[in-house]
Protein backbone atom coordinates (compact mmCIF):
# COMPACT_ATOMS: atom_id res chain seq x y z
CA MET A 1 -38.97 78.19 118.02
CA VAL A 2 -37.26 75.06 116.18
CA LEU A 3 -34.55 73.94 118.87
CA ILE A 4 -31.26 73.56 117.42
CA SER A 5 -30.36 70.46 119.60
CA GLY A 6 -33.76 68.83 119.09
CA VAL A 7 -34.05 68.53 123.12
CA SER A 8 -36.27 71.10 125.27
CA SER A 9 -35.22 70.60 128.71
CA ASP A 10 -34.43 72.41 132.02
CA GLY A 11 -31.49 72.77 130.80
CA ALA A 12 -31.35 74.00 127.90
CA THR A 13 -34.30 75.95 128.77
CA LEU A 14 -31.86 77.78 131.32
CA ARG A 15 -29.29 77.70 129.20
CA ARG A 16 -30.85 80.15 126.25
CA SER A 17 -32.05 82.60 129.30
CA ALA A 18 -28.43 82.72 130.72
CA MET A 19 -26.64 83.42 127.01
CA ARG A 20 -30.06 85.92 126.60
CA LEU A 21 -28.85 87.87 129.87
CA THR A 22 -25.79 87.38 128.46
CA ARG A 23 -25.96 89.49 125.60
CA ARG A 24 -28.16 91.89 126.91
CA LEU A 25 -25.49 92.64 129.45
CA ARG A 26 -22.49 93.47 126.64
CA ARG A 27 -24.30 95.73 125.18
CA ALA A 28 -24.86 97.53 128.80
CA ARG A 29 -20.89 97.46 128.74
CA PRO A 30 -19.16 101.50 128.75
CA GLU A 31 -18.75 102.58 125.48
CA GLY A 32 -15.18 102.05 124.61
CA GLY A 33 -14.67 99.43 127.77
CA LEU A 34 -11.79 96.35 127.92
CA ALA A 35 -12.63 94.05 125.64
CA SER A 36 -14.37 91.06 125.90
CA ALA A 37 -10.85 89.14 126.11
CA LYS A 38 -9.47 91.42 128.38
CA LEU A 39 -12.18 90.89 130.36
CA SER A 40 -12.14 87.29 130.29
CA VAL A 41 -8.40 87.48 132.68
CA LEU A 42 -8.83 90.15 134.40
CA GLY A 43 -11.81 88.63 135.86
CA GLU A 44 -10.05 85.36 136.39
CA LEU A 45 -7.24 86.64 138.03
CA TYR A 46 -9.75 88.04 140.30
CA ARG A 47 -11.75 85.38 140.90
CA GLN A 48 -8.84 83.20 141.08
CA GLY A 49 -5.54 85.10 141.85
CA GLU A 50 -2.32 84.89 139.92
CA GLN A 51 -1.84 82.27 137.86
CA THR A 52 0.24 81.09 135.08
CA PRO A 53 -0.15 82.04 131.01
CA HIS A 54 -1.07 78.41 130.58
CA GLN A 55 -3.66 78.68 133.36
CA LEU A 56 -5.17 81.40 132.09
CA ALA A 57 -5.05 79.66 129.00
CA VAL A 58 -7.37 75.97 129.73
CA ALA A 59 -9.21 78.58 132.30
CA ASP A 60 -10.93 80.41 128.79
CA ARG A 61 -10.12 77.59 126.64
CA VAL A 62 -7.59 78.53 124.16
CA ARG A 63 -4.15 78.09 123.01
CA PRO A 64 -1.70 80.15 124.91
CA GLN A 65 -0.35 81.28 121.98
CA SER A 66 -3.51 83.12 121.51
CA LEU A 67 -3.33 84.80 124.83
CA THR A 68 0.47 86.23 123.94
CA ARG A 69 -1.71 89.39 122.48
CA THR A 70 -4.35 90.07 124.77
CA LEU A 71 -1.74 89.85 128.26
CA ALA A 72 0.98 91.56 126.52
CA ALA A 73 -2.00 94.49 126.07
CA LEU A 74 -2.85 94.34 129.42
CA GLU A 75 0.65 94.40 130.78
CA ARG A 76 1.06 97.34 128.25
CA ASP A 77 -1.76 99.41 129.85
CA ARG A 78 -0.39 98.44 133.77
CA LEU A 79 -3.30 96.17 133.77
CA VAL A 80 -1.77 93.25 135.12
CA TYR A 81 1.92 92.66 136.02
CA ARG A 82 4.41 89.57 134.93
CA ARG A 83 6.48 87.96 137.37
CA ARG A 84 9.09 85.01 137.00
CA ASP A 85 8.52 82.08 138.71
CA THR A 86 11.55 81.67 141.20
CA SER A 87 12.05 77.69 141.10
CA ASP A 88 11.26 77.90 137.78
CA ARG A 89 13.30 80.72 135.56
CA ARG A 90 11.20 79.66 132.21
CA ARG A 91 7.71 79.99 134.26
CA SER A 92 6.02 83.66 134.46
CA TRP A 93 3.34 84.53 136.76
CA ILE A 94 0.23 87.32 135.93
CA GLY A 95 -1.81 89.20 138.41
CA LEU A 96 -4.02 91.49 139.18
CA THR A 97 -2.55 95.24 139.50
CA SER A 98 -4.68 98.08 141.22
CA GLU A 99 -5.57 99.75 137.67
CA GLY A 100 -6.61 96.57 136.75
CA PHE A 101 -8.69 95.74 139.34
CA ASP A 102 -10.24 99.56 138.87
CA ALA A 103 -10.93 98.81 135.35
CA LEU A 104 -12.24 95.62 135.65
CA SER A 105 -15.07 96.84 138.74
CA GLY A 106 -15.98 99.73 136.39
CA ASP A 107 -16.61 97.95 133.23
CA MET A 108 -18.67 95.40 136.07
CA ALA A 109 -19.96 98.40 138.03
CA GLU A 110 -21.66 99.87 134.64
CA ARG A 111 -23.65 96.35 134.34
CA ASP A 112 -24.90 95.66 137.67
CA ARG A 113 -26.35 99.40 137.68
CA TRP A 114 -27.93 98.20 134.35
CA LEU A 115 -29.07 95.17 135.88
CA ASP A 116 -30.07 96.24 139.11
CA ALA A 117 -32.45 98.56 137.91
CA GLN A 118 -34.21 95.86 135.88
CA ILE A 119 -34.61 93.81 139.06
CA GLN A 120 -36.28 96.80 140.58
CA ARG A 121 -39.01 96.69 138.38
CA LEU A 122 -39.72 92.78 139.50
CA SER A 123 -41.91 91.80 142.27
CA SER A 124 -40.60 91.03 145.67
CA ALA A 125 -41.56 88.07 145.34
CA GLU A 126 -39.99 87.57 141.85
CA ARG A 127 -36.26 89.21 143.45
CA ALA A 128 -36.75 86.49 145.74
CA VAL A 129 -36.72 83.11 143.51
CA LEU A 130 -34.35 85.32 140.96
CA ALA A 131 -32.00 85.22 144.21
CA LEU A 132 -32.40 81.76 144.65
CA ALA A 133 -31.84 81.65 140.98
CA ALA A 134 -28.44 83.11 141.55
CA GLU A 135 -27.37 81.56 144.09
CA LEU A 136 -28.14 77.64 142.61
CA MET A 137 -26.23 78.89 139.40
CA ASP A 138 -23.29 79.79 141.33
CA ARG A 139 -23.26 76.45 142.10
CA LEU A 140 -24.36 74.37 138.99
CA ALA A 141 -21.21 76.69 137.87
CA ASP A 142 -18.33 75.52 140.85
CA GLU A 143 -19.22 71.79 139.52
CA SER A 144 -16.95 70.22 138.06
C-alpha cells in the first residue's frame, strides 16, 4: 500500500482503522436518518450541554454562518431549542430537546446494534483487547 502521508506509524495505522470503521458505521445508519451535520450538532449538545452557535461552530470546525441552516432546520424539527442570554440579549444558547435526544439515540442505536453483532463474532480475548482500545481511544480524544 502506498502511504499518502509518506509516514508509516502507529498513529497512521490507528487513524486509517478509525476512518474505515467510521465509514462502515455510516453505512449502518438507518435509511432516511438525520444528516451528518445535524447528528454532529446533536451529539455535541448531548456531550457538552447547552452552547452558543459560535461554540458549536468551533467544535465542528465550521464557520458560524455555515451552521445557520443546520440550526434552523433542527429548531424547525424541534430537536433543539434556542434561548436568549439574559445578560447579553445578542447571544443565544442552543440546547437539546427531548425529541432531539430521541432522534440521536435512535440513530446511534442502529449503529450500536450493527457493531455489537460484529463484536460478538470475536473471541473473548479479542473483545477484551477491543474494550481496552476503546478506553484508550477515548483518552486520546480527550487530549487537547
